[in-house]
Amino acid sequence: MTHDDSPALRKSRERAKLCETLIDELRTIYRRSHRYCTVEQLKQDYPDFVLWSHINDHELRKLLSGDEFRPRDFAKHLTLRAYSLTSLDTLKDDRRKIRKAERDKPH
């Protein structure tokens, strides 16, 4: 991260990074949900997941119950909740700001 990043851009990068991490971790959960496993097994198998601090056991059990879920959509929901946001447009704006900053970066 360069030192010319504004606080708003840093916050956008932070939210985008959390969302991408949660997407990856939820994809792992999704793959595991196709065969029997418990919340405890998952937490033991993946102790370093960031997801554990953003999801409660009830939500995780629901994901493991076999109901279809979309890791990307659920990760966005968890990211909004983590930052007390209400609109997915905020995450879209974050990605737009990051892309613009990358384009405008001097080479």
PDB file of N, CA and C in Angstrom:
ATOM      1  N   MET A   1       0.856  -1.179   0.000  1.00  0.00           N
ATOM      2  CA  MET A   1       0.000   0.000   0.000  1.00  0.00           C
ATOM      3  C   MET A   1       0.898   1.237   0.000  1.00  0.00           C
ATOM      4  N   THR A   2       0.600   2.153  -0.872  1.00  0.00           N
ATOM      5  CA  THR A   2       1.406   3.356  -0.958  1.00  0.00           C
ATOM      6  C   THR A   2       0.968   4.347   0.103  1.00  0.00           C
ATOM      7  N   HIS A   3       1.876   5.301   0.441  1.00  0.00           N
ATOM      8  CA  HIS A   3       1.567   6.264   1.487  1.00  0.00           C
ATOM      9  C   HIS A   3       0.657   7.385   1.005  1.00  0.00           C
ATOM     10  N   ASP A   4       0.313   7.429  -0.286  1.00  0.00           N
ATOM     11  CA  ASP A   4      -0.590   8.465  -0.770  1.00  0.00           C
ATOM     12  C   ASP A   4      -2.053   8.002  -0.765  1.00  0.00           C
ATOM     13  N   ASP A   5      -2.324   6.824  -0.186  1.00  0.00           N
ATOM     14  CA  ASP A   5      -3.702   6.348  -0.067  1.00  0.00           C
ATOM     15  C   ASP A   5      -4.467   7.222   0.915  1.00  0.00           C
ATOM     16  N   SER A   6      -5.649   7.587   0.536  1.00  0.00           N
ATOM     17  CA  SER A   6      -6.514   8.336   1.445  1.00  0.00           C
ATOM     18  C   SER A   6      -7.112   7.359   2.458  1.00  0.00           C
ATOM     19  N   PRO A   7      -7.577   7.874   3.597  1.00  0.00           N
ATOM     20  CA  PRO A   7      -8.239   6.981   4.563  1.00  0.00           C
ATOM     21  C   PRO A   7      -9.438   6.249   3.949  1.00  0.00           C
ATOM     22  N   ALA A   8     -10.173   6.926   3.080  1.00  0.00           N
ATOM     23  CA  ALA A   8     -11.332   6.293   2.441  1.00  0.00           C
ATOM     24  C   ALA A   8     -10.899   5.136   1.542  1.00  0.00           C
ATOM     25  N   LEU A   9      -9.813   5.327   0.809  1.00  0.00           N
ATOM     26  CA  LEU A   9      -9.321   4.265  -0.067  1.00  0.00           C
ATOM     27  C   LEU A   9      -8.783   3.105   0.760  1.00  0.00           C
ATOM     28  N   ARG A  10      -8.109   3.404   1.855  1.00  0.00           N
ATOM     29  CA  ARG A  10      -7.629   2.334   2.746  1.00  0.00           C
ATOM     30  C   ARG A  10      -8.797   1.519   3.292  1.00  0.00           C
ATOM     31  N   LYS A  11      -9.867   2.204   3.694  1.00  0.00           N
ATOM     32  CA  LYS A  11     -11.054   1.513   4.210  1.00  0.00           C
ATOM     33  C   LYS A  11     -11.688   0.665   3.105  1.00  0.00           C
ATOM     34  N   SER A  12     -11.729   1.189   1.889  1.00  0.00           N
ATOM     35  CA  SER A  12     -12.271   0.423   0.766  1.00  0.00           C
ATOM     36  C   SER A  12     -11.445  -0.833   0.513  1.00  0.00           C
ATOM     37  N   ARG A  13     -10.126  -0.694   0.561  1.00  0.00           N
ATOM     38  CA  ARG A  13      -9.246  -1.854   0.366  1.00  0.00           C
ATOM     39  C   ARG A  13      -9.444  -2.879   1.486  1.00  0.00           C
ATOM     40  N   GLU A  14      -9.611  -2.400   2.701  1.00  0.00           N
ATOM     41  CA  GLU A  14      -9.819  -3.277   3.854  1.00  0.00           C
ATOM     42  C   GLU A  14     -11.116  -4.082   3.687  1.00  0.00           C
ATOM     43  N   ARG A  15     -12.176  -3.398   3.302  1.00  0.00           N
ATOM     44  CA  ARG A  15     -13.461  -4.088   3.108  1.00  0.00           C
ATOM     45  C   ARG A  15     -13.374  -5.083   1.959  1.00  0.00           C
ATOM     46  N   ALA A  16     -12.734  -4.688   0.862  1.00  0.00           N
ATOM     47  CA  ALA A  16     -12.606  -5.576  -0.295  1.00  0.00           C
ATOM     48  C   ALA A  16     -11.787  -6.815   0.065  1.00  0.00           C
ATOM     49  N   LYS A  17     -10.729  -6.619   0.837  1.00  0.00           N
ATOM     50  CA  LYS A  17      -9.888  -7.747   1.251  1.00  0.00           C
ATOM     51  C   LYS A  17     -10.682  -8.707   2.140  1.00  0.00           C
ATOM     52  N   LEU A  18     -11.441  -8.163   3.095  1.00  0.00           N
ATOM     53  CA  LEU A  18     -12.260  -9.018   3.953  1.00  0.00           C
ATOM     54  C   LEU A  18     -13.255  -9.802   3.106  1.00  0.00           C
ATOM     55  N   CYS A  19     -13.918  -9.142   2.196  1.00  0.00           N
ATOM     56  CA  CYS A  19     -14.922  -9.803   1.360  1.00  0.00           C
ATOM     57  C   CYS A  19     -14.285 -10.938   0.549  1.00  0.00           C
ATOM     58  N   GLU A  20     -13.146 -10.703  -0.058  1.00  0.00           N
ATOM     59  CA  GLU A  20     -12.472 -11.735  -0.855  1.00  0.00           C
ATOM     60  C   GLU A  20     -12.035 -12.910   0.020  1.00  0.00           C
ATOM     61  N   THR A  21     -11.539 -12.623   1.218  1.00  0.00           N
ATOM     62  CA  THR A  21     -11.141 -13.680   2.150  1.00  0.00           C
ATOM     63  C   THR A  21     -12.348 -14.524   2.529  1.00  0.00           C
ATOM     64  N   LEU A  22     -13.458 -13.855   2.847  1.00  0.00           N
ATOM     65  CA  LEU A  22     -14.670 -14.576   3.229  1.00  0.00           C
ATOM     66  C   LEU A  22     -15.212 -15.407   2.066  1.00  0.00           C
ATOM     67  N   ILE A  23     -15.115 -14.893   0.855  1.00  0.00           N
ATOM     68  CA  ILE A  23     -15.561 -15.655  -0.319  1.00  0.00           C
ATOM     69  C   ILE A  23     -14.763 -16.951  -0.421  1.00  0.00           C
ATOM     70  N   ASP A  24     -13.446 -16.851  -0.308  1.00  0.00           N
ATOM     71  CA  ASP A  24     -12.596 -18.042  -0.405  1.00  0.00           C
ATOM     72  C   ASP A  24     -12.927 -19.049   0.693  1.00  0.00           C
ATOM     73  N   GLU A  25     -13.073 -18.556   1.905  1.00  0.00           N
ATOM     74  CA  GLU A  25     -13.354 -19.448   3.029  1.00  0.00           C
ATOM     75  C   GLU A  25     -14.748 -20.070   2.910  1.00  0.00           C
ATOM     76  N   LEU A  26     -15.722 -19.295   2.462  1.00  0.00           N
ATOM     77  CA  LEU A  26     -17.073 -19.829   2.287  1.00  0.00           C
ATOM     78  C   LEU A  26     -17.128 -20.840   1.138  1.00  0.00           C
ATOM     79  N   ARG A  27     -16.282 -20.687   0.149  1.00  0.00           N
ATOM     80  CA  ARG A  27     -16.212 -21.695  -0.916  1.00  0.00           C
ATOM     81  C   ARG A  27     -15.745 -23.029  -0.346  1.00  0.00           C
ATOM     82  N   THR A  28     -14.807 -22.968   0.574  1.00  0.00           N
ATOM     83  CA  THR A  28     -14.349 -24.186   1.243  1.00  0.00           C
ATOM     84  C   THR A  28     -15.495 -24.819   2.032  1.00  0.00           C
ATOM     85  N   ILE A  29     -16.235 -23.982   2.766  1.00  0.00           N
ATOM     86  CA  ILE A  29     -17.382 -24.464   3.534  1.00  0.00           C
ATOM     87  C   ILE A  29     -18.421 -25.076   2.585  1.00  0.00           C
ATOM     88  N   TYR A  30     -18.648 -24.423   1.480  1.00  0.00           N
ATOM     89  CA  TYR A  30     -19.622 -24.912   0.497  1.00  0.00           C
ATOM     90  C   TYR A  30     -19.244 -26.312   0.010  1.00  0.00           C
ATOM     91  N   ARG A  31     -17.968 -26.492  -0.322  1.00  0.00           N
ATOM     92  CA  ARG A  31     -17.510 -27.812  -0.779  1.00  0.00           C
ATOM     93  C   ARG A  31     -17.689 -28.856   0.326  1.00  0.00           C
ATOM     94  N   ARG A  32     -17.402 -28.468   1.555  1.00  0.00           N
ATOM     95  CA  ARG A  32     -17.540 -29.404   2.681  1.00  0.00           C
ATOM     96  C   ARG A  32     -19.002 -29.698   2.997  1.00  0.00           C
ATOM     97  N   SER A  33     -19.902 -28.788   2.651  1.00  0.00           N
ATOM     98  CA  SER A  33     -21.322 -28.976   2.986  1.00  0.00           C
ATOM     99  C   SER A  33     -21.962 -30.101   2.188  1.00  0.00           C
ATOM    100  N   HIS A  34     -21.284 -30.572   1.160  1.00  0.00           N
ATOM    101  CA  HIS A  34     -21.842 -31.654   0.346  1.00  0.00           C
ATOM    102  C   HIS A  34     -21.653 -33.018   0.991  1.00  0.00           C
ATOM    103  N   ARG A  35     -20.877 -33.068   2.056  1.00  0.00           N
ATOM    104  CA  ARG A  35     -20.763 -34.303   2.826  1.00  0.00           C
ATOM    105  C   ARG A  35     -20.880 -33.940   4.301  1.00  0.00           C
ATOM    106  N   TYR A  36     -21.214 -34.884   5.104  1.00  0.00           N
ATOM    107  CA  TYR A  36     -21.480 -34.608   6.517  1.00  0.00           C
ATOM    108  C   TYR A  36     -20.251 -34.054   7.231  1.00  0.00           C
ATOM    109  N   CYS A  37     -20.450 -32.971   7.940  1.00  0.00           N
ATOM    110  CA  CYS A  37     -19.433 -32.449   8.854  1.00  0.00           C
ATOM    111  C   CYS A  37     -20.133 -31.543   9.859  1.00  0.00           C
ATOM    112  N   THR A  38     -19.486 -31.335  10.972  1.00  0.00           N
ATOM    113  CA  THR A  38     -20.063 -30.505  12.026  1.00  0.00           C
ATOM    114  C   THR A  38     -19.339 -29.167  12.091  1.00  0.00           C
ATOM    115  N   VAL A  39     -19.942 -28.239  12.780  1.00  0.00           N
ATOM    116  CA  VAL A  39     -19.325 -26.925  12.993  1.00  0.00           C
ATOM    117  C   VAL A  39     -17.980 -27.111  13.686  1.00  0.00           C
ATOM    118  N   GLU A  40     -17.947 -27.988  14.686  1.00  0.00           N
ATOM    119  CA  GLU A  40     -16.716 -28.219  15.443  1.00  0.00           C
ATOM    120  C   GLU A  40     -15.613 -28.787  14.555  1.00  0.00           C
ATOM    121  N   GLN A  41     -15.980 -29.713  13.653  1.00  0.00           N
ATOM    122  CA  GLN A  41     -14.990 -30.273  12.738  1.00  0.00           C
ATOM    123  C   GLN A  41     -14.402 -29.192  11.834  1.00  0.00           C
ATOM    124  N   LEU A  42     -15.269 -28.348  11.327  1.00  0.00           N
ATOM    125  CA  LEU A  42     -14.804 -27.269  10.449  1.00  0.00           C
ATOM    126  C   LEU A  42     -13.835 -26.343  11.186  1.00  0.00           C
ATOM    127  N   LYS A  43     -14.216 -25.963  12.392  1.00  0.00           N
ATOM    128  CA  LYS A  43     -13.362 -25.054  13.157  1.00  0.00           C
ATOM    129  C   LYS A  43     -12.029 -25.706  13.510  1.00  0.00           C
ATOM    130  N   GLN A  44     -12.061 -27.012  13.708  1.00  0.00           N
ATOM    131  CA  GLN A  44     -10.823 -27.729  13.998  1.00  0.00           C
ATOM    132  C   GLN A  44      -9.962 -27.862  12.736  1.00  0.00           C
ATOM    133  N   ASP A  45     -10.612 -28.124  11.600  1.00  0.00           N
ATOM    134  CA  ASP A  45      -9.887 -28.297  10.338  1.00  0.00           C
ATOM    135  C   ASP A  45      -9.336 -26.983   9.792  1.00  0.00           C
ATOM    136  N   TYR A  46     -10.020 -25.880  10.080  1.00  0.00           N
ATOM    137  CA  TYR A  46      -9.624 -24.572   9.544  1.00  0.00           C
ATOM    138  C   TYR A  46      -9.570 -23.533  10.665  1.00  0.00           C
ATOM    139  N   PRO A  47      -8.661 -23.709  11.614  1.00  0.00           N
ATOM    140  CA  PRO A  47      -8.655 -22.826  12.791  1.00  0.00           C
ATOM    141  C   PRO A  47      -8.308 -21.369  12.474  1.00  0.00           C
ATOM    142  N   ASP A  48      -7.654 -21.115  11.364  1.00  0.00           N
ATOM    143  CA  ASP A  48      -7.216 -19.752  11.050  1.00  0.00           C
ATOM    144  C   ASP A  48      -8.197 -18.972  10.187  1.00  0.00           C
ATOM    145  N   PHE A  49      -9.359 -19.536   9.925  1.00  0.00           N
ATOM    146  CA  PHE A  49     -10.336 -18.832   9.101  1.00  0.00           C
ATOM    147  C   PHE A  49     -10.779 -17.533   9.784  1.00  0.00           C
ATOM    148  N   VAL A  50     -10.788 -16.468   9.023  1.00  0.00           N
ATOM    149  CA  VAL A  50     -11.312 -15.174   9.473  1.00  0.00           C
ATOM    150  C   VAL A  50     -12.825 -15.285   9.669  1.00  0.00           C
ATOM    151  N   LEU A  51     -13.428 -16.156   8.904  1.00  0.00           N
ATOM    152  CA  LEU A  51     -14.876 -16.355   8.928  1.00  0.00           C
ATOM    153  C   LEU A  51     -15.420 -16.566  10.333  1.00  0.00           C
ATOM    154  N   TRP A  52     -14.686 -17.266  11.193  1.00  0.00           N
ATOM    155  CA  TRP A  52     -15.193 -17.604  12.523  1.00  0.00           C
ATOM    156  C   TRP A  52     -15.538 -16.373  13.349  1.00  0.00           C
ATOM    157  N   SER A  53     -14.903 -15.267  13.108  1.00  0.00           N
ATOM    158  CA  SER A  53     -15.240 -14.057  13.874  1.00  0.00           C
ATOM    159  C   SER A  53     -16.370 -13.251  13.234  1.00  0.00           C
ATOM    160  N   HIS A  54     -16.900 -13.739  12.112  1.00  0.00           N
ATOM    161  CA  HIS A  54     -17.963 -13.002  11.407  1.00  0.00           C
ATOM    162  C   HIS A  54     -19.260 -13.791  11.248  1.00  0.00           C
ATOM    163  N   ILE A  55     -19.272 -15.024  11.709  1.00  0.00           N
ATOM    164  CA  ILE A  55     -20.456 -15.868  11.548  1.00  0.00           C
ATOM    165  C   ILE A  55     -20.722 -16.574  12.874  1.00  0.00           C
ATOM    166  N   ASN A  56     -21.988 -16.745  13.199  1.00  0.00           N
ATOM    167  CA  ASN A  56     -22.279 -17.476  14.435  1.00  0.00           C
ATOM    168  C   ASN A  56     -22.560 -18.948  14.096  1.00  0.00           C
ATOM    169  N   ASP A  57     -22.535 -19.787  15.121  1.00  0.00           N
ATOM    170  CA  ASP A  57     -22.693 -21.224  14.903  1.00  0.00           C
ATOM    171  C   ASP A  57     -24.043 -21.558  14.267  1.00  0.00           C
ATOM    172  N   HIS A  58     -25.080 -20.816  14.636  1.00  0.00           N
ATOM    173  CA  HIS A  58     -26.406 -21.062  14.053  1.00  0.00           C
ATOM    174  C   HIS A  58     -26.368 -20.853  12.532  1.00  0.00           C
ATOM    175  N   GLU A  59     -25.762 -19.766  12.100  1.00  0.00           N
ATOM    176  CA  GLU A  59     -25.663 -19.495  10.656  1.00  0.00           C
ATOM    177  C   GLU A  59     -24.836 -20.578   9.968  1.00  0.00           C
ATOM    178  N   LEU A  60     -23.770 -20.982  10.604  1.00  0.00           N
ATOM    179  CA  LEU A  60     -22.901 -21.995  10.023  1.00  0.00           C
ATOM    180  C   LEU A  60     -23.621 -23.339   9.913  1.00  0.00           C
ATOM    181  N   ARG A  61     -24.368 -23.708  10.937  1.00  0.00           N
ATOM    182  CA  ARG A  61     -25.143 -24.957  10.882  1.00  0.00           C
ATOM    183  C   ARG A  61     -26.159 -24.902   9.739  1.00  0.00           C
ATOM    184  N   LYS A  62     -26.757 -23.738   9.546  1.00  0.00           N
ATOM    185  CA  LYS A  62     -27.723 -23.573   8.449  1.00  0.00           C
ATOM    186  C   LYS A  62     -27.027 -23.781   7.097  1.00  0.00           C
ATOM    187  N   LEU A  63     -25.814 -23.255   6.949  1.00  0.00           N
ATOM    188  CA  LEU A  63     -25.068 -23.454   5.708  1.00  0.00           C
ATOM    189  C   LEU A  63     -24.744 -24.928   5.498  1.00  0.00           C
ATOM    190  N   LEU A  64     -24.437 -25.617   6.582  1.00  0.00           N
ATOM    191  CA  LEU A  64     -24.060 -27.029   6.487  1.00  0.00           C
ATOM    192  C   LEU A  64     -25.268 -27.951   6.314  1.00  0.00           C
ATOM    193  N   SER A  65     -26.471 -27.427   6.491  1.00  0.00           N
ATOM    194  CA  SER A  65     -27.677 -28.258   6.454  1.00  0.00           C
ATOM    195  C   SER A  65     -28.009 -28.774   5.064  1.00  0.00           C
ATOM    196  N   GLY A  66     -27.283 -28.314   4.081  1.00  0.00           N
ATOM    197  CA  GLY A  66     -27.542 -28.775   2.724  1.00  0.00           C
ATOM    198  C   GLY A  66     -28.322 -27.776   1.889  1.00  0.00           C
ATOM    199  N   ASP A  67     -28.811 -26.702   2.525  1.00  0.00           N
ATOM    200  CA  ASP A  67     -29.478 -25.661   1.753  1.00  0.00           C
ATOM    201  C   ASP A  67     -28.463 -25.038   0.806  1.00  0.00           C
ATOM    202  N   GLU A  68     -28.911 -24.746  -0.371  1.00  0.00           N
ATOM    203  CA  GLU A  68     -28.030 -24.117  -1.364  1.00  0.00           C
ATOM    204  C   GLU A  68     -27.698 -22.700  -0.908  1.00  0.00           C
ATOM    205  N   PHE A  69     -26.438 -22.323  -1.001  1.00  0.00           N
ATOM    206  CA  PHE A  69     -26.062 -20.938  -0.720  1.00  0.00           C
ATOM    207  C   PHE A  69     -24.958 -20.522  -1.674  1.00  0.00           C
ATOM    208  N   ARG A  70     -24.857 -19.221  -1.855  1.00  0.00           N
ATOM    209  CA  ARG A  70     -23.853 -18.674  -2.770  1.00  0.00           C
ATOM    210  C   ARG A  70     -22.768 -18.005  -1.943  1.00  0.00           C
ATOM    211  N   PRO A  71     -21.572 -18.579  -1.942  1.00  0.00           N
ATOM    212  CA  PRO A  71     -20.492 -18.041  -1.115  1.00  0.00           C
ATOM    213  C   PRO A  71     -20.249 -16.548  -1.330  1.00  0.00           C
ATOM    214  N   ARG A  72     -20.279 -16.089  -2.572  1.00  0.00           N
ATOM    215  CA  ARG A  72     -20.003 -14.673  -2.850  1.00  0.00           C
ATOM    216  C   ARG A  72     -21.076 -13.771  -2.224  1.00  0.00           C
ATOM    217  N   ASP A  73     -22.328 -14.151  -2.387  1.00  0.00           N
ATOM    218  CA  ASP A  73     -23.415 -13.338  -1.830  1.00  0.00           C
ATOM    219  C   ASP A  73     -23.377 -13.323  -0.298  1.00  0.00           C
ATOM    220  N   PHE A  74     -23.124 -14.484   0.280  1.00  0.00           N
ATOM    221  CA  PHE A  74     -23.087 -14.551   1.735  1.00  0.00           C
ATOM    222  C   PHE A  74     -21.894 -13.774   2.283  1.00  0.00           C
ATOM    223  N   ALA A  75     -20.764 -13.828   1.594  1.00  0.00           N
ATOM    224  CA  ALA A  75     -19.572 -13.070   2.013  1.00  0.00           C
ATOM    225  C   ALA A  75     -19.851 -11.569   1.973  1.00  0.00           C
ATOM    226  N   LYS A  76     -20.545 -11.127   0.959  1.00  0.00           N
ATOM    227  CA  LYS A  76     -20.903  -9.699   0.879  1.00  0.00           C
ATOM    228  C   LYS A  76     -21.788  -9.310   2.056  1.00  0.00           C
ATOM    229  N   HIS A  77     -22.747 -10.148   2.374  1.00  0.00           N
ATOM    230  CA  HIS A  77     -23.635  -9.890   3.512  1.00  0.00           C
ATOM    231  C   HIS A  77     -22.827  -9.790   4.819  1.00  0.00           C
ATOM    232  N   LEU A  78     -21.906 -10.720   5.015  1.00  0.00           N
ATOM    233  CA  LEU A  78     -21.078 -10.700   6.237  1.00  0.00           C
ATOM    234  C   LEU A  78     -20.176  -9.469   6.283  1.00  0.00           C
ATOM    235  N   THR A  79     -19.672  -9.053   5.136  1.00  0.00           N
ATOM    236  CA  THR A  79     -18.827  -7.856   5.080  1.00  0.00           C
ATOM    237  C   THR A  79     -19.634  -6.615   5.441  1.00  0.00           C
ATOM    238  N   LEU A  80     -20.832  -6.509   4.884  1.00  0.00           N
ATOM    239  CA  LEU A  80     -21.701  -5.377   5.230  1.00  0.00           C
ATOM    240  C   LEU A  80     -21.944  -5.350   6.734  1.00  0.00           C
ATOM    241  N   ARG A  81     -22.254  -6.511   7.302  1.00  0.00           N
ATOM    242  CA  ARG A  81     -22.524  -6.590   8.730  1.00  0.00           C
ATOM    243  C   ARG A  81     -21.295  -6.218   9.558  1.00  0.00           C
ATOM    244  N   ALA A  82     -20.126  -6.650   9.137  1.00  0.00           N
ATOM    245  CA  ALA A  82     -18.892  -6.367   9.881  1.00  0.00           C
ATOM    246  C   ALA A  82     -18.614  -4.870   9.966  1.00  0.00           C
ATOM    247  N   TYR A  83     -19.015  -4.136   8.939  1.00  0.00           N
ATOM    248  CA  TYR A  83     -18.753  -2.696   8.904  1.00  0.00           C
ATOM    249  C   TYR A  83     -20.015  -1.873   9.173  1.00  0.00           C
ATOM    250  N   SER A  84     -21.066  -2.531   9.641  1.00  0.00           N
ATOM    251  CA  SER A  84     -22.341  -1.855   9.944  1.00  0.00           C
ATOM    252  C   SER A  84     -22.854  -1.052   8.747  1.00  0.00           C
ATOM    253  N   LEU A  85     -22.786  -1.673   7.584  1.00  0.00           N
ATOM    254  CA  LEU A  85     -23.280  -1.054   6.354  1.00  0.00           C
ATOM    255  C   LEU A  85     -24.597  -1.703   5.961  1.00  0.00           C
ATOM    256  N   THR A  86     -25.354  -1.027   5.124  1.00  0.00           N
ATOM    257  CA  THR A  86     -26.651  -1.569   4.728  1.00  0.00           C
ATOM    258  C   THR A  86     -26.796  -1.770   3.229  1.00  0.00           C
ATOM    259  N   SER A  87     -25.908  -1.215   2.441  1.00  0.00           N
ATOM    260  CA  SER A  87     -26.092  -1.256   0.997  1.00  0.00           C
ATOM    261  C   SER A  87     -24.934  -1.957   0.287  1.00  0.00           C
ATOM    262  N   LEU A  88     -25.297  -2.883  -0.591  1.00  0.00           N
ATOM    263  CA  LEU A  88     -24.282  -3.530  -1.421  1.00  0.00           C
ATOM    264  C   LEU A  88     -23.599  -2.526  -2.345  1.00  0.00           C
ATOM    265  N   ASP A  89     -24.261  -1.417  -2.596  1.00  0.00           N
ATOM    266  CA  ASP A  89     -23.654  -0.383  -3.437  1.00  0.00           C
ATOM    267  C   ASP A  89     -22.352   0.130  -2.830  1.00  0.00           C
ATOM    268  N   THR A  90     -22.248   0.107  -1.520  1.00  0.00           N
ATOM    269  CA  THR A  90     -21.011   0.540  -0.862  1.00  0.00           C
ATOM    270  C   THR A  90     -19.849  -0.350  -1.297  1.00  0.00           C
ATOM    271  N   LEU A  91     -20.075  -1.665  -1.346  1.00  0.00           N
ATOM    272  CA  LEU A  91     -19.011  -2.578  -1.771  1.00  0.00           C
ATOM    273  C   LEU A  91     -18.685  -2.396  -3.252  1.00  0.00           C
ATOM    274  N   LYS A  92     -19.705  -2.116  -4.064  1.00  0.00           N
ATOM    275  CA  LYS A  92     -19.458  -1.830  -5.482  1.00  0.00           C
ATOM    276  C   LYS A  92     -18.619  -0.562  -5.621  1.00  0.00           C
ATOM    277  N   ASP A  93     -18.964   0.456  -4.836  1.00  0.00           N
ATOM    278  CA  ASP A  93     -18.200   1.708  -4.870  1.00  0.00           C
ATOM    279  C   ASP A  93     -16.763   1.477  -4.430  1.00  0.00           C
ATOM    280  N   ASP A  94     -16.576   0.614  -3.423  1.00  0.00           N
ATOM    281  CA  ASP A  94     -15.220   0.288  -2.962  1.00  0.00           C
ATOM    282  C   ASP A  94     -14.403  -0.285  -4.124  1.00  0.00           C
ATOM    283  N   ARG A  95     -14.967  -1.267  -4.813  1.00  0.00           N
ATOM    284  CA  ARG A  95     -14.234  -1.884  -5.929  1.00  0.00           C
ATOM    285  C   ARG A  95     -13.944  -0.868  -7.029  1.00  0.00           C
ATOM    286  N   ARG A  96     -14.895   0.026  -7.279  1.00  0.00           N
ATOM    287  CA  ARG A  96     -14.702   1.070  -8.292  1.00  0.00           C
ATOM    288  C   ARG A  96     -13.548   1.999  -7.888  1.00  0.00           C
ATOM    289  N   LYS A  97     -13.532   2.411  -6.606  1.00  0.00           N
ATOM    290  CA  LYS A  97     -12.458   3.292  -6.118  1.00  0.00           C
ATOM    291  C   LYS A  97     -11.095   2.619  -6.239  1.00  0.00           C
ATOM    292  N   ILE A  98     -11.039   1.344  -5.905  1.00  0.00           N
ATOM    293  CA  ILE A  98      -9.770   0.608  -5.959  1.00  0.00           C
ATOM    294  C   ILE A  98      -9.290   0.489  -7.397  1.00  0.00           C
ATOM    295  N   ARG A  99     -10.196   0.143  -8.311  1.00  0.00           N
ATOM    296  CA  ARG A  99      -9.813   0.058  -9.733  1.00  0.00           C
ATOM    297  C   ARG A  99      -9.323   1.394 -10.249  1.00  0.00           C
ATOM    298  N   LYS A 100     -10.013   2.475  -9.878  1.00  0.00           N
ATOM    299  CA  LYS A 100      -9.607   3.811 -10.325  1.00  0.00           C
ATOM    300  C   LYS A 100      -8.231   4.165  -9.772  1.00  0.00           C
ATOM    301  N   ALA A 101      -7.992   3.854  -8.512  1.00  0.00           N
ATOM    302  CA  ALA A 101      -6.695   4.146  -7.898  1.00  0.00           C
ATOM    303  C   ALA A 101      -5.577   3.364  -8.598  1.00  0.00           C
ATOM    304  N   GLU A 102      -5.880   2.131  -8.976  1.00  0.00           N
ATOM    305  CA  GLU A 102      -4.877   1.321  -9.683  1.00  0.00           C
ATOM    306  C   GLU A 102      -4.596   1.898 -11.068  1.00  0.00           C
ATOM    307  N   ARG A 103      -5.646   2.349 -11.753  1.00  0.00           N
ATOM    308  CA  ARG A 103      -5.466   2.947 -13.088  1.00  0.00           C
ATOM    309  C   ARG A 103      -4.683   4.256 -13.000  1.00  0.00           C
ATOM    310  N   ASP A 104      -4.971   5.056 -11.966  1.00  0.00           N
ATOM    311  CA  ASP A 104      -4.370   6.374 -11.846  1.00  0.00           C
ATOM    312  C   ASP A 104      -2.972   6.343 -11.212  1.00  0.00           C
ATOM    313  N   LYS A 105      -2.546   5.176 -10.756  1.00  0.00           N
ATOM    314  CA  LYS A 105      -1.252   5.062 -10.106  1.00  0.00           C
ATOM    315  C   LYS A 105      -0.143   5.339 -11.113  1.00  0.00           C
ATOM    316  N   PRO A 106       0.832   6.184 -10.754  1.00  0.00           N
ATOM    317  CA  PRO A 106       1.941   6.454 -11.682  1.00  0.00           C
ATOM    318  C   PRO A 106       2.790   5.184 -11.875  1.00  0.00           C
ATOM    319  N   HIS A 107       3.236   4.993 -13.077  1.00  0.00           N
ATOM    320  CA  HIS A 107       4.026   3.782 -13.389  1.00  0.00           C
ATOM    321  C   HIS A 107       5.474   4.004 -13.218  1.00  0.00           C
TER     322      HIS A 107
END
